[in-house]
Amino acid sequence: DPKGFNSPLVAVKKKDGSIRLCVNF
């Protein structure tokens, strides 16, 4: 459902340089 619930994705850079995906609820 493209009109359903969604929350913004936040890409956080970790100390080792990789990315952690978080969701802002």
PDBML (XML) file of the C-alpha atoms, coordinates in Angstrom:
<?xml version="1.0" encoding="UTF-8" ?>
<PDBx:datablock datablockName="MODEL"
   xmlns:PDBx="http://pdbml.pdb.org/schema/pdbx-v50.xsd"
   xmlns:xsi="http://www.w3.org/2001/XMLSchema-instance"
   xsi:schemaLocation="http://pdbml.pdb.org/schema/pdbx-v50.xsd pdbx-v50.xsd">
   <PDBx:atom_siteCategory>
      <PDBx:atom_site id="1">
         <PDBx:B_iso_or_equiv>0.00</PDBx:B_iso_or_equiv>
         <PDBx:Cartn_x>0.000</PDBx:Cartn_x>
         <PDBx:Cartn_y>0.000</PDBx:Cartn_y>
         <PDBx:Cartn_z>0.000</PDBx:Cartn_z>
         <PDBx:auth_asym_id>A</PDBx:auth_asym_id>
         <PDBx:auth_atom_id>CA</PDBx:auth_atom_id>
         <PDBx:auth_comp_id>ASP</PDBx:auth_comp_id>
         <PDBx:auth_seq_id>1</PDBx:auth_seq_id>
         <PDBx:group_PDB>ATOM</PDBx:group_PDB>
         <PDBx:label_alt_id xsi:nil="true" />
         <PDBx:label_asym_id>A</PDBx:label_asym_id>
         <PDBx:label_atom_id>CA</PDBx:label_atom_id>
         <PDBx:label_comp_id>ASP</PDBx:label_comp_id>
         <PDBx:label_entity_id>1</PDBx:label_entity_id>
         <PDBx:label_seq_id>1</PDBx:label_seq_id>
         <PDBx:occupancy>1.00</PDBx:occupancy>
         <PDBx:pdbx_PDB_model_num>1</PDBx:pdbx_PDB_model_num>
         <PDBx:type_symbol>C</PDBx:type_symbol>
      </PDBx:atom_site>
      <PDBx:atom_site id="2">
         <PDBx:B_iso_or_equiv>0.00</PDBx:B_iso_or_equiv>
         <PDBx:Cartn_x>1.911</PDBx:Cartn_x>
         <PDBx:Cartn_y>3.092</PDBx:Cartn_y>
         <PDBx:Cartn_z>-1.200</PDBx:Cartn_z>
         <PDBx:auth_asym_id>A</PDBx:auth_asym_id>
         <PDBx:auth_atom_id>CA</PDBx:auth_atom_id>
         <PDBx:auth_comp_id>PRO</PDBx:auth_comp_id>
         <PDBx:auth_seq_id>2</PDBx:auth_seq_id>
         <PDBx:group_PDB>ATOM</PDBx:group_PDB>
         <PDBx:label_alt_id xsi:nil="true" />
         <PDBx:label_asym_id>A</PDBx:label_asym_id>
         <PDBx:label_atom_id>CA</PDBx:label_atom_id>
         <PDBx:label_comp_id>PRO</PDBx:label_comp_id>
         <PDBx:label_entity_id>1</PDBx:label_entity_id>
         <PDBx:label_seq_id>2</PDBx:label_seq_id>
         <PDBx:occupancy>1.00</PDBx:occupancy>
         <PDBx:pdbx_PDB_model_num>1</PDBx:pdbx_PDB_model_num>
         <PDBx:type_symbol>C</PDBx:type_symbol>
      </PDBx:atom_site>
      <PDBx:atom_site id="3">
         <PDBx:B_iso_or_equiv>0.00</PDBx:B_iso_or_equiv>
         <PDBx:Cartn_x>-0.394</PDBx:Cartn_x>
         <PDBx:Cartn_y>5.328</PDBx:Cartn_y>
         <PDBx:Cartn_z>0.857</PDBx:Cartn_z>
         <PDBx:auth_asym_id>A</PDBx:auth_asym_id>
         <PDBx:auth_atom_id>CA</PDBx:auth_atom_id>
         <PDBx:auth_comp_id>LYS</PDBx:auth_comp_id>
         <PDBx:auth_seq_id>3</PDBx:auth_seq_id>
         <PDBx:group_PDB>ATOM</PDBx:group_PDB>
         <PDBx:label_alt_id xsi:nil="true" />
         <PDBx:label_asym_id>A</PDBx:label_asym_id>
         <PDBx:label_atom_id>CA</PDBx:label_atom_id>
         <PDBx:label_comp_id>LYS</PDBx:label_comp_id>
         <PDBx:label_entity_id>1</PDBx:label_entity_id>
         <PDBx:label_seq_id>3</PDBx:label_seq_id>
         <PDBx:occupancy>1.00</PDBx:occupancy>
         <PDBx:pdbx_PDB_model_num>1</PDBx:pdbx_PDB_model_num>
         <PDBx:type_symbol>C</PDBx:type_symbol>
      </PDBx:atom_site>
      <PDBx:atom_site id="4">
         <PDBx:B_iso_or_equiv>0.00</PDBx:B_iso_or_equiv>
         <PDBx:Cartn_x>0.027</PDBx:Cartn_x>
         <PDBx:Cartn_y>3.304</PDBx:Cartn_y>
         <PDBx:Cartn_z>4.039</PDBx:Cartn_z>
         <PDBx:auth_asym_id>A</PDBx:auth_asym_id>
         <PDBx:auth_atom_id>CA</PDBx:auth_atom_id>
         <PDBx:auth_comp_id>GLY</PDBx:auth_comp_id>
         <PDBx:auth_seq_id>4</PDBx:auth_seq_id>
         <PDBx:group_PDB>ATOM</PDBx:group_PDB>
         <PDBx:label_alt_id xsi:nil="true" />
         <PDBx:label_asym_id>A</PDBx:label_asym_id>
         <PDBx:label_atom_id>CA</PDBx:label_atom_id>
         <PDBx:label_comp_id>GLY</PDBx:label_comp_id>
         <PDBx:label_entity_id>1</PDBx:label_entity_id>
         <PDBx:label_seq_id>4</PDBx:label_seq_id>
         <PDBx:occupancy>1.00</PDBx:occupancy>
         <PDBx:pdbx_PDB_model_num>1</PDBx:pdbx_PDB_model_num>
         <PDBx:type_symbol>C</PDBx:type_symbol>
      </PDBx:atom_site>
      <PDBx:atom_site id="5">
         <PDBx:B_iso_or_equiv>0.00</PDBx:B_iso_or_equiv>
         <PDBx:Cartn_x>2.148</PDBx:Cartn_x>
         <PDBx:Cartn_y>3.873</PDBx:Cartn_y>
         <PDBx:Cartn_z>7.091</PDBx:Cartn_z>
         <PDBx:auth_asym_id>A</PDBx:auth_asym_id>
         <PDBx:auth_atom_id>CA</PDBx:auth_atom_id>
         <PDBx:auth_comp_id>PHE</PDBx:auth_comp_id>
         <PDBx:auth_seq_id>5</PDBx:auth_seq_id>
         <PDBx:group_PDB>ATOM</PDBx:group_PDB>
         <PDBx:label_alt_id xsi:nil="true" />
         <PDBx:label_asym_id>A</PDBx:label_asym_id>
         <PDBx:label_atom_id>CA</PDBx:label_atom_id>
         <PDBx:label_comp_id>PHE</PDBx:label_comp_id>
         <PDBx:label_entity_id>1</PDBx:label_entity_id>
         <PDBx:label_seq_id>5</PDBx:label_seq_id>
         <PDBx:occupancy>1.00</PDBx:occupancy>
         <PDBx:pdbx_PDB_model_num>1</PDBx:pdbx_PDB_model_num>
         <PDBx:type_symbol>C</PDBx:type_symbol>
      </PDBx:atom_site>
      <PDBx:atom_site id="6">
         <PDBx:B_iso_or_equiv>0.00</PDBx:B_iso_or_equiv>
         <PDBx:Cartn_x>5.760</PDBx:Cartn_x>
         <PDBx:Cartn_y>4.855</PDBx:Cartn_y>
         <PDBx:Cartn_z>6.481</PDBx:Cartn_z>
         <PDBx:auth_asym_id>A</PDBx:auth_asym_id>
         <PDBx:auth_atom_id>CA</PDBx:auth_atom_id>
         <PDBx:auth_comp_id>ASN</PDBx:auth_comp_id>
         <PDBx:auth_seq_id>6</PDBx:auth_seq_id>
         <PDBx:group_PDB>ATOM</PDBx:group_PDB>
         <PDBx:label_alt_id xsi:nil="true" />
         <PDBx:label_asym_id>A</PDBx:label_asym_id>
         <PDBx:label_atom_id>CA</PDBx:label_atom_id>
         <PDBx:label_comp_id>ASN</PDBx:label_comp_id>
         <PDBx:label_entity_id>1</PDBx:label_entity_id>
         <PDBx:label_seq_id>6</PDBx:label_seq_id>
         <PDBx:occupancy>1.00</PDBx:occupancy>
         <PDBx:pdbx_PDB_model_num>1</PDBx:pdbx_PDB_model_num>
         <PDBx:type_symbol>C</PDBx:type_symbol>
      </PDBx:atom_site>
      <PDBx:atom_site id="7">
         <PDBx:B_iso_or_equiv>0.00</PDBx:B_iso_or_equiv>
         <PDBx:Cartn_x>8.454</PDBx:Cartn_x>
         <PDBx:Cartn_y>6.551</PDBx:Cartn_y>
         <PDBx:Cartn_z>8.511</PDBx:Cartn_z>
         <PDBx:auth_asym_id>A</PDBx:auth_asym_id>
         <PDBx:auth_atom_id>CA</PDBx:auth_atom_id>
         <PDBx:auth_comp_id>SER</PDBx:auth_comp_id>
         <PDBx:auth_seq_id>7</PDBx:auth_seq_id>
         <PDBx:group_PDB>ATOM</PDBx:group_PDB>
         <PDBx:label_alt_id xsi:nil="true" />
         <PDBx:label_asym_id>A</PDBx:label_asym_id>
         <PDBx:label_atom_id>CA</PDBx:label_atom_id>
         <PDBx:label_comp_id>SER</PDBx:label_comp_id>
         <PDBx:label_entity_id>1</PDBx:label_entity_id>
         <PDBx:label_seq_id>7</PDBx:label_seq_id>
         <PDBx:occupancy>1.00</PDBx:occupancy>
         <PDBx:pdbx_PDB_model_num>1</PDBx:pdbx_PDB_model_num>
         <PDBx:type_symbol>C</PDBx:type_symbol>
      </PDBx:atom_site>
      <PDBx:atom_site id="8">
         <PDBx:B_iso_or_equiv>0.00</PDBx:B_iso_or_equiv>
         <PDBx:Cartn_x>11.592</PDBx:Cartn_x>
         <PDBx:Cartn_y>8.397</PDBx:Cartn_y>
         <PDBx:Cartn_z>7.390</PDBx:Cartn_z>
         <PDBx:auth_asym_id>A</PDBx:auth_asym_id>
         <PDBx:auth_atom_id>CA</PDBx:auth_atom_id>
         <PDBx:auth_comp_id>PRO</PDBx:auth_comp_id>
         <PDBx:auth_seq_id>8</PDBx:auth_seq_id>
         <PDBx:group_PDB>ATOM</PDBx:group_PDB>
         <PDBx:label_alt_id xsi:nil="true" />
         <PDBx:label_asym_id>A</PDBx:label_asym_id>
         <PDBx:label_atom_id>CA</PDBx:label_atom_id>
         <PDBx:label_comp_id>PRO</PDBx:label_comp_id>
         <PDBx:label_entity_id>1</PDBx:label_entity_id>
         <PDBx:label_seq_id>8</PDBx:label_seq_id>
         <PDBx:occupancy>1.00</PDBx:occupancy>
         <PDBx:pdbx_PDB_model_num>1</PDBx:pdbx_PDB_model_num>
         <PDBx:type_symbol>C</PDBx:type_symbol>
      </PDBx:atom_site>
      <PDBx:atom_site id="9">
         <PDBx:B_iso_or_equiv>0.00</PDBx:B_iso_or_equiv>
         <PDBx:Cartn_x>14.795</PDBx:Cartn_x>
         <PDBx:Cartn_y>6.386</PDBx:Cartn_y>
         <PDBx:Cartn_z>7.011</PDBx:Cartn_z>
         <PDBx:auth_asym_id>A</PDBx:auth_asym_id>
         <PDBx:auth_atom_id>CA</PDBx:auth_atom_id>
         <PDBx:auth_comp_id>LEU</PDBx:auth_comp_id>
         <PDBx:auth_seq_id>9</PDBx:auth_seq_id>
         <PDBx:group_PDB>ATOM</PDBx:group_PDB>
         <PDBx:label_alt_id xsi:nil="true" />
         <PDBx:label_asym_id>A</PDBx:label_asym_id>
         <PDBx:label_atom_id>CA</PDBx:label_atom_id>
         <PDBx:label_comp_id>LEU</PDBx:label_comp_id>
         <PDBx:label_entity_id>1</PDBx:label_entity_id>
         <PDBx:label_seq_id>9</PDBx:label_seq_id>
         <PDBx:occupancy>1.00</PDBx:occupancy>
         <PDBx:pdbx_PDB_model_num>1</PDBx:pdbx_PDB_model_num>
         <PDBx:type_symbol>C</PDBx:type_symbol>
      </PDBx:atom_site>
      <PDBx:atom_site id="10">
         <PDBx:B_iso_or_equiv>0.00</PDBx:B_iso_or_equiv>
         <PDBx:Cartn_x>17.943</PDBx:Cartn_x>
         <PDBx:Cartn_y>7.789</PDBx:Cartn_y>
         <PDBx:Cartn_z>8.612</PDBx:Cartn_z>
         <PDBx:auth_asym_id>A</PDBx:auth_asym_id>
         <PDBx:auth_atom_id>CA</PDBx:auth_atom_id>
         <PDBx:auth_comp_id>VAL</PDBx:auth_comp_id>
         <PDBx:auth_seq_id>10</PDBx:auth_seq_id>
         <PDBx:group_PDB>ATOM</PDBx:group_PDB>
         <PDBx:label_alt_id xsi:nil="true" />
         <PDBx:label_asym_id>A</PDBx:label_asym_id>
         <PDBx:label_atom_id>CA</PDBx:label_atom_id>
         <PDBx:label_comp_id>VAL</PDBx:label_comp_id>
         <PDBx:label_entity_id>1</PDBx:label_entity_id>
         <PDBx:label_seq_id>10</PDBx:label_seq_id>
         <PDBx:occupancy>1.00</PDBx:occupancy>
         <PDBx:pdbx_PDB_model_num>1</PDBx:pdbx_PDB_model_num>
         <PDBx:type_symbol>C</PDBx:type_symbol>
      </PDBx:atom_site>
      <PDBx:atom_site id="11">
         <PDBx:B_iso_or_equiv>0.00</PDBx:B_iso_or_equiv>
         <PDBx:Cartn_x>21.380</PDBx:Cartn_x>
         <PDBx:Cartn_y>6.570</PDBx:Cartn_y>
         <PDBx:Cartn_z>7.465</PDBx:Cartn_z>
         <PDBx:auth_asym_id>A</PDBx:auth_asym_id>
         <PDBx:auth_atom_id>CA</PDBx:auth_atom_id>
         <PDBx:auth_comp_id>ALA</PDBx:auth_comp_id>
         <PDBx:auth_seq_id>11</PDBx:auth_seq_id>
         <PDBx:group_PDB>ATOM</PDBx:group_PDB>
         <PDBx:label_alt_id xsi:nil="true" />
         <PDBx:label_asym_id>A</PDBx:label_asym_id>
         <PDBx:label_atom_id>CA</PDBx:label_atom_id>
         <PDBx:label_comp_id>ALA</PDBx:label_comp_id>
         <PDBx:label_entity_id>1</PDBx:label_entity_id>
         <PDBx:label_seq_id>11</PDBx:label_seq_id>
         <PDBx:occupancy>1.00</PDBx:occupancy>
         <PDBx:pdbx_PDB_model_num>1</PDBx:pdbx_PDB_model_num>
         <PDBx:type_symbol>C</PDBx:type_symbol>
      </PDBx:atom_site>
      <PDBx:atom_site id="12">
         <PDBx:B_iso_or_equiv>0.00</PDBx:B_iso_or_equiv>
         <PDBx:Cartn_x>23.861</PDBx:Cartn_x>
         <PDBx:Cartn_y>6.973</PDBx:Cartn_y>
         <PDBx:Cartn_z>10.326</PDBx:Cartn_z>
         <PDBx:auth_asym_id>A</PDBx:auth_asym_id>
         <PDBx:auth_atom_id>CA</PDBx:auth_atom_id>
         <PDBx:auth_comp_id>VAL</PDBx:auth_comp_id>
         <PDBx:auth_seq_id>12</PDBx:auth_seq_id>
         <PDBx:group_PDB>ATOM</PDBx:group_PDB>
         <PDBx:label_alt_id xsi:nil="true" />
         <PDBx:label_asym_id>A</PDBx:label_asym_id>
         <PDBx:label_atom_id>CA</PDBx:label_atom_id>
         <PDBx:label_comp_id>VAL</PDBx:label_comp_id>
         <PDBx:label_entity_id>1</PDBx:label_entity_id>
         <PDBx:label_seq_id>12</PDBx:label_seq_id>
         <PDBx:occupancy>1.00</PDBx:occupancy>
         <PDBx:pdbx_PDB_model_num>1</PDBx:pdbx_PDB_model_num>
         <PDBx:type_symbol>C</PDBx:type_symbol>
      </PDBx:atom_site>
      <PDBx:atom_site id="13">
         <PDBx:B_iso_or_equiv>0.00</PDBx:B_iso_or_equiv>
         <PDBx:Cartn_x>27.588</PDBx:Cartn_x>
         <PDBx:Cartn_y>6.564</PDBx:Cartn_y>
         <PDBx:Cartn_z>9.738</PDBx:Cartn_z>
         <PDBx:auth_asym_id>A</PDBx:auth_asym_id>
         <PDBx:auth_atom_id>CA</PDBx:auth_atom_id>
         <PDBx:auth_comp_id>LYS</PDBx:auth_comp_id>
         <PDBx:auth_seq_id>13</PDBx:auth_seq_id>
         <PDBx:group_PDB>ATOM</PDBx:group_PDB>
         <PDBx:label_alt_id xsi:nil="true" />
         <PDBx:label_asym_id>A</PDBx:label_asym_id>
         <PDBx:label_atom_id>CA</PDBx:label_atom_id>
         <PDBx:label_comp_id>LYS</PDBx:label_comp_id>
         <PDBx:label_entity_id>1</PDBx:label_entity_id>
         <PDBx:label_seq_id>13</PDBx:label_seq_id>
         <PDBx:occupancy>1.00</PDBx:occupancy>
         <PDBx:pdbx_PDB_model_num>1</PDBx:pdbx_PDB_model_num>
         <PDBx:type_symbol>C</PDBx:type_symbol>
      </PDBx:atom_site>
      <PDBx:atom_site id="14">
         <PDBx:B_iso_or_equiv>0.00</PDBx:B_iso_or_equiv>
         <PDBx:Cartn_x>29.180</PDBx:Cartn_x>
         <PDBx:Cartn_y>4.243</PDBx:Cartn_y>
         <PDBx:Cartn_z>12.322</PDBx:Cartn_z>
         <PDBx:auth_asym_id>A</PDBx:auth_asym_id>
         <PDBx:auth_atom_id>CA</PDBx:auth_atom_id>
         <PDBx:auth_comp_id>LYS</PDBx:auth_comp_id>
         <PDBx:auth_seq_id>14</PDBx:auth_seq_id>
         <PDBx:group_PDB>ATOM</PDBx:group_PDB>
         <PDBx:label_alt_id xsi:nil="true" />
         <PDBx:label_asym_id>A</PDBx:label_asym_id>
         <PDBx:label_atom_id>CA</PDBx:label_atom_id>
         <PDBx:label_comp_id>LYS</PDBx:label_comp_id>
         <PDBx:label_entity_id>1</PDBx:label_entity_id>
         <PDBx:label_seq_id>14</PDBx:label_seq_id>
         <PDBx:occupancy>1.00</PDBx:occupancy>
         <PDBx:pdbx_PDB_model_num>1</PDBx:pdbx_PDB_model_num>
         <PDBx:type_symbol>C</PDBx:type_symbol>
      </PDBx:atom_site>
      <PDBx:atom_site id="15">
         <PDBx:B_iso_or_equiv>0.00</PDBx:B_iso_or_equiv>
         <PDBx:Cartn_x>32.699</PDBx:Cartn_x>
         <PDBx:Cartn_y>4.625</PDBx:Cartn_y>
         <PDBx:Cartn_z>13.750</PDBx:Cartn_z>
         <PDBx:auth_asym_id>A</PDBx:auth_asym_id>
         <PDBx:auth_atom_id>CA</PDBx:auth_atom_id>
         <PDBx:auth_comp_id>LYS</PDBx:auth_comp_id>
         <PDBx:auth_seq_id>15</PDBx:auth_seq_id>
         <PDBx:group_PDB>ATOM</PDBx:group_PDB>
         <PDBx:label_alt_id xsi:nil="true" />
         <PDBx:label_asym_id>A</PDBx:label_asym_id>
         <PDBx:label_atom_id>CA</PDBx:label_atom_id>
         <PDBx:label_comp_id>LYS</PDBx:label_comp_id>
         <PDBx:label_entity_id>1</PDBx:label_entity_id>
         <PDBx:label_seq_id>15</PDBx:label_seq_id>
         <PDBx:occupancy>1.00</PDBx:occupancy>
         <PDBx:pdbx_PDB_model_num>1</PDBx:pdbx_PDB_model_num>
         <PDBx:type_symbol>C</PDBx:type_symbol>
      </PDBx:atom_site>
      <PDBx:atom_site id="16">
         <PDBx:B_iso_or_equiv>0.00</PDBx:B_iso_or_equiv>
         <PDBx:Cartn_x>34.010</PDBx:Cartn_x>
         <PDBx:Cartn_y>1.911</PDBx:Cartn_y>
         <PDBx:Cartn_z>11.407</PDBx:Cartn_z>
         <PDBx:auth_asym_id>A</PDBx:auth_asym_id>
         <PDBx:auth_atom_id>CA</PDBx:auth_atom_id>
         <PDBx:auth_comp_id>ASP</PDBx:auth_comp_id>
         <PDBx:auth_seq_id>16</PDBx:auth_seq_id>
         <PDBx:group_PDB>ATOM</PDBx:group_PDB>
         <PDBx:label_alt_id xsi:nil="true" />
         <PDBx:label_asym_id>A</PDBx:label_asym_id>
         <PDBx:label_atom_id>CA</PDBx:label_atom_id>
         <PDBx:label_comp_id>ASP</PDBx:label_comp_id>
         <PDBx:label_entity_id>1</PDBx:label_entity_id>
         <PDBx:label_seq_id>16</PDBx:label_seq_id>
         <PDBx:occupancy>1.00</PDBx:occupancy>
         <PDBx:pdbx_PDB_model_num>1</PDBx:pdbx_PDB_model_num>
         <PDBx:type_symbol>C</PDBx:type_symbol>
      </PDBx:atom_site>
      <PDBx:atom_site id="17">
         <PDBx:B_iso_or_equiv>0.00</PDBx:B_iso_or_equiv>
         <PDBx:Cartn_x>32.686</PDBx:Cartn_x>
         <PDBx:Cartn_y>3.836</PDBx:Cartn_y>
         <PDBx:Cartn_z>8.377</PDBx:Cartn_z>
         <PDBx:auth_asym_id>A</PDBx:auth_asym_id>
         <PDBx:auth_atom_id>CA</PDBx:auth_atom_id>
         <PDBx:auth_comp_id>GLY</PDBx:auth_comp_id>
         <PDBx:auth_seq_id>17</PDBx:auth_seq_id>
         <PDBx:group_PDB>ATOM</PDBx:group_PDB>
         <PDBx:label_alt_id xsi:nil="true" />
         <PDBx:label_asym_id>A</PDBx:label_asym_id>
         <PDBx:label_atom_id>CA</PDBx:label_atom_id>
         <PDBx:label_comp_id>GLY</PDBx:label_comp_id>
         <PDBx:label_entity_id>1</PDBx:label_entity_id>
         <PDBx:label_seq_id>17</PDBx:label_seq_id>
         <PDBx:occupancy>1.00</PDBx:occupancy>
         <PDBx:pdbx_PDB_model_num>1</PDBx:pdbx_PDB_model_num>
         <PDBx:type_symbol>C</PDBx:type_symbol>
      </PDBx:atom_site>
      <PDBx:atom_site id="18">
         <PDBx:B_iso_or_equiv>0.00</PDBx:B_iso_or_equiv>
         <PDBx:Cartn_x>29.776</PDBx:Cartn_x>
         <PDBx:Cartn_y>1.494</PDBx:Cartn_y>
         <PDBx:Cartn_z>7.637</PDBx:Cartn_z>
         <PDBx:auth_asym_id>A</PDBx:auth_asym_id>
         <PDBx:auth_atom_id>CA</PDBx:auth_atom_id>
         <PDBx:auth_comp_id>SER</PDBx:auth_comp_id>
         <PDBx:auth_seq_id>18</PDBx:auth_seq_id>
         <PDBx:group_PDB>ATOM</PDBx:group_PDB>
         <PDBx:label_alt_id xsi:nil="true" />
         <PDBx:label_asym_id>A</PDBx:label_asym_id>
         <PDBx:label_atom_id>CA</PDBx:label_atom_id>
         <PDBx:label_comp_id>SER</PDBx:label_comp_id>
         <PDBx:label_entity_id>1</PDBx:label_entity_id>
         <PDBx:label_seq_id>18</PDBx:label_seq_id>
         <PDBx:occupancy>1.00</PDBx:occupancy>
         <PDBx:pdbx_PDB_model_num>1</PDBx:pdbx_PDB_model_num>
         <PDBx:type_symbol>C</PDBx:type_symbol>
      </PDBx:atom_site>
      <PDBx:atom_site id="19">
         <PDBx:B_iso_or_equiv>0.00</PDBx:B_iso_or_equiv>
         <PDBx:Cartn_x>26.152</PDBx:Cartn_x>
         <PDBx:Cartn_y>2.628</PDBx:Cartn_y>
         <PDBx:Cartn_z>7.621</PDBx:Cartn_z>
         <PDBx:auth_asym_id>A</PDBx:auth_asym_id>
         <PDBx:auth_atom_id>CA</PDBx:auth_atom_id>
         <PDBx:auth_comp_id>ILE</PDBx:auth_comp_id>
         <PDBx:auth_seq_id>19</PDBx:auth_seq_id>
         <PDBx:group_PDB>ATOM</PDBx:group_PDB>
         <PDBx:label_alt_id xsi:nil="true" />
         <PDBx:label_asym_id>A</PDBx:label_asym_id>
         <PDBx:label_atom_id>CA</PDBx:label_atom_id>
         <PDBx:label_comp_id>ILE</PDBx:label_comp_id>
         <PDBx:label_entity_id>1</PDBx:label_entity_id>
         <PDBx:label_seq_id>19</PDBx:label_seq_id>
         <PDBx:occupancy>1.00</PDBx:occupancy>
         <PDBx:pdbx_PDB_model_num>1</PDBx:pdbx_PDB_model_num>
         <PDBx:type_symbol>C</PDBx:type_symbol>
      </PDBx:atom_site>
      <PDBx:atom_site id="20">
         <PDBx:B_iso_or_equiv>0.00</PDBx:B_iso_or_equiv>
         <PDBx:Cartn_x>23.465</PDBx:Cartn_x>
         <PDBx:Cartn_y>1.886</PDBx:Cartn_y>
         <PDBx:Cartn_z>10.216</PDBx:Cartn_z>
         <PDBx:auth_asym_id>A</PDBx:auth_asym_id>
         <PDBx:auth_atom_id>CA</PDBx:auth_atom_id>
         <PDBx:auth_comp_id>ARG</PDBx:auth_comp_id>
         <PDBx:auth_seq_id>20</PDBx:auth_seq_id>
         <PDBx:group_PDB>ATOM</PDBx:group_PDB>
         <PDBx:label_alt_id xsi:nil="true" />
         <PDBx:label_asym_id>A</PDBx:label_asym_id>
         <PDBx:label_atom_id>CA</PDBx:label_atom_id>
         <PDBx:label_comp_id>ARG</PDBx:label_comp_id>
         <PDBx:label_entity_id>1</PDBx:label_entity_id>
         <PDBx:label_seq_id>20</PDBx:label_seq_id>
         <PDBx:occupancy>1.00</PDBx:occupancy>
         <PDBx:pdbx_PDB_model_num>1</PDBx:pdbx_PDB_model_num>
         <PDBx:type_symbol>C</PDBx:type_symbol>
      </PDBx:atom_site>
      <PDBx:atom_site id="21">
         <PDBx:B_iso_or_equiv>0.00</PDBx:B_iso_or_equiv>
         <PDBx:Cartn_x>19.894</PDBx:Cartn_x>
         <PDBx:Cartn_y>2.193</PDBx:Cartn_y>
         <PDBx:Cartn_z>8.989</PDBx:Cartn_z>
         <PDBx:auth_asym_id>A</PDBx:auth_asym_id>
         <PDBx:auth_atom_id>CA</PDBx:auth_atom_id>
         <PDBx:auth_comp_id>LEU</PDBx:auth_comp_id>
         <PDBx:auth_seq_id>21</PDBx:auth_seq_id>
         <PDBx:group_PDB>ATOM</PDBx:group_PDB>
         <PDBx:label_alt_id xsi:nil="true" />
         <PDBx:label_asym_id>A</PDBx:label_asym_id>
         <PDBx:label_atom_id>CA</PDBx:label_atom_id>
         <PDBx:label_comp_id>LEU</PDBx:label_comp_id>
         <PDBx:label_entity_id>1</PDBx:label_entity_id>
         <PDBx:label_seq_id>21</PDBx:label_seq_id>
         <PDBx:occupancy>1.00</PDBx:occupancy>
         <PDBx:pdbx_PDB_model_num>1</PDBx:pdbx_PDB_model_num>
         <PDBx:type_symbol>C</PDBx:type_symbol>
      </PDBx:atom_site>
      <PDBx:atom_site id="22">
         <PDBx:B_iso_or_equiv>0.00</PDBx:B_iso_or_equiv>
         <PDBx:Cartn_x>17.516</PDBx:Cartn_x>
         <PDBx:Cartn_y>3.700</PDBx:Cartn_y>
         <PDBx:Cartn_z>11.525</PDBx:Cartn_z>
         <PDBx:auth_asym_id>A</PDBx:auth_asym_id>
         <PDBx:auth_atom_id>CA</PDBx:auth_atom_id>
         <PDBx:auth_comp_id>CYS</PDBx:auth_comp_id>
         <PDBx:auth_seq_id>22</PDBx:auth_seq_id>
         <PDBx:group_PDB>ATOM</PDBx:group_PDB>
         <PDBx:label_alt_id xsi:nil="true" />
         <PDBx:label_asym_id>A</PDBx:label_asym_id>
         <PDBx:label_atom_id>CA</PDBx:label_atom_id>
         <PDBx:label_comp_id>CYS</PDBx:label_comp_id>
         <PDBx:label_entity_id>1</PDBx:label_entity_id>
         <PDBx:label_seq_id>22</PDBx:label_seq_id>
         <PDBx:occupancy>1.00</PDBx:occupancy>
         <PDBx:pdbx_PDB_model_num>1</PDBx:pdbx_PDB_model_num>
         <PDBx:type_symbol>C</PDBx:type_symbol>
      </PDBx:atom_site>
      <PDBx:atom_site id="23">
         <PDBx:B_iso_or_equiv>0.00</PDBx:B_iso_or_equiv>
         <PDBx:Cartn_x>13.875</PDBx:Cartn_x>
         <PDBx:Cartn_y>4.700</PDBx:Cartn_y>
         <PDBx:Cartn_z>11.294</PDBx:Cartn_z>
         <PDBx:auth_asym_id>A</PDBx:auth_asym_id>
         <PDBx:auth_atom_id>CA</PDBx:auth_atom_id>
         <PDBx:auth_comp_id>VAL</PDBx:auth_comp_id>
         <PDBx:auth_seq_id>23</PDBx:auth_seq_id>
         <PDBx:group_PDB>ATOM</PDBx:group_PDB>
         <PDBx:label_alt_id xsi:nil="true" />
         <PDBx:label_asym_id>A</PDBx:label_asym_id>
         <PDBx:label_atom_id>CA</PDBx:label_atom_id>
         <PDBx:label_comp_id>VAL</PDBx:label_comp_id>
         <PDBx:label_entity_id>1</PDBx:label_entity_id>
         <PDBx:label_seq_id>23</PDBx:label_seq_id>
         <PDBx:occupancy>1.00</PDBx:occupancy>
         <PDBx:pdbx_PDB_model_num>1</PDBx:pdbx_PDB_model_num>
         <PDBx:type_symbol>C</PDBx:type_symbol>
      </PDBx:atom_site>
      <PDBx:atom_site id="24">
         <PDBx:B_iso_or_equiv>0.00</PDBx:B_iso_or_equiv>
         <PDBx:Cartn_x>12.485</PDBx:Cartn_x>
         <PDBx:Cartn_y>7.917</PDBx:Cartn_y>
         <PDBx:Cartn_z>12.763</PDBx:Cartn_z>
         <PDBx:auth_asym_id>A</PDBx:auth_asym_id>
         <PDBx:auth_atom_id>CA</PDBx:auth_atom_id>
         <PDBx:auth_comp_id>ASN</PDBx:auth_comp_id>
         <PDBx:auth_seq_id>24</PDBx:auth_seq_id>
         <PDBx:group_PDB>ATOM</PDBx:group_PDB>
         <PDBx:label_alt_id xsi:nil="true" />
         <PDBx:label_asym_id>A</PDBx:label_asym_id>
         <PDBx:label_atom_id>CA</PDBx:label_atom_id>
         <PDBx:label_comp_id>ASN</PDBx:label_comp_id>
         <PDBx:label_entity_id>1</PDBx:label_entity_id>
         <PDBx:label_seq_id>24</PDBx:label_seq_id>
         <PDBx:occupancy>1.00</PDBx:occupancy>
         <PDBx:pdbx_PDB_model_num>1</PDBx:pdbx_PDB_model_num>
         <PDBx:type_symbol>C</PDBx:type_symbol>
      </PDBx:atom_site>
      <PDBx:atom_site id="25">
         <PDBx:B_iso_or_equiv>0.00</PDBx:B_iso_or_equiv>
         <PDBx:Cartn_x>9.071</PDBx:Cartn_x>
         <PDBx:Cartn_y>7.051</PDBx:Cartn_y>
         <PDBx:Cartn_z>14.240</PDBx:Cartn_z>
         <PDBx:auth_asym_id>A</PDBx:auth_asym_id>
         <PDBx:auth_atom_id>CA</PDBx:auth_atom_id>
         <PDBx:auth_comp_id>PHE</PDBx:auth_comp_id>
         <PDBx:auth_seq_id>25</PDBx:auth_seq_id>
         <PDBx:group_PDB>ATOM</PDBx:group_PDB>
         <PDBx:label_alt_id xsi:nil="true" />
         <PDBx:label_asym_id>A</PDBx:label_asym_id>
         <PDBx:label_atom_id>CA</PDBx:label_atom_id>
         <PDBx:label_comp_id>PHE</PDBx:label_comp_id>
         <PDBx:label_entity_id>1</PDBx:label_entity_id>
         <PDBx:label_seq_id>25</PDBx:label_seq_id>
         <PDBx:occupancy>1.00</PDBx:occupancy>
         <PDBx:pdbx_PDB_model_num>1</PDBx:pdbx_PDB_model_num>
         <PDBx:type_symbol>C</PDBx:type_symbol>
      </PDBx:atom_site>
   </PDBx:atom_siteCategory>
</PDBx:datablock>
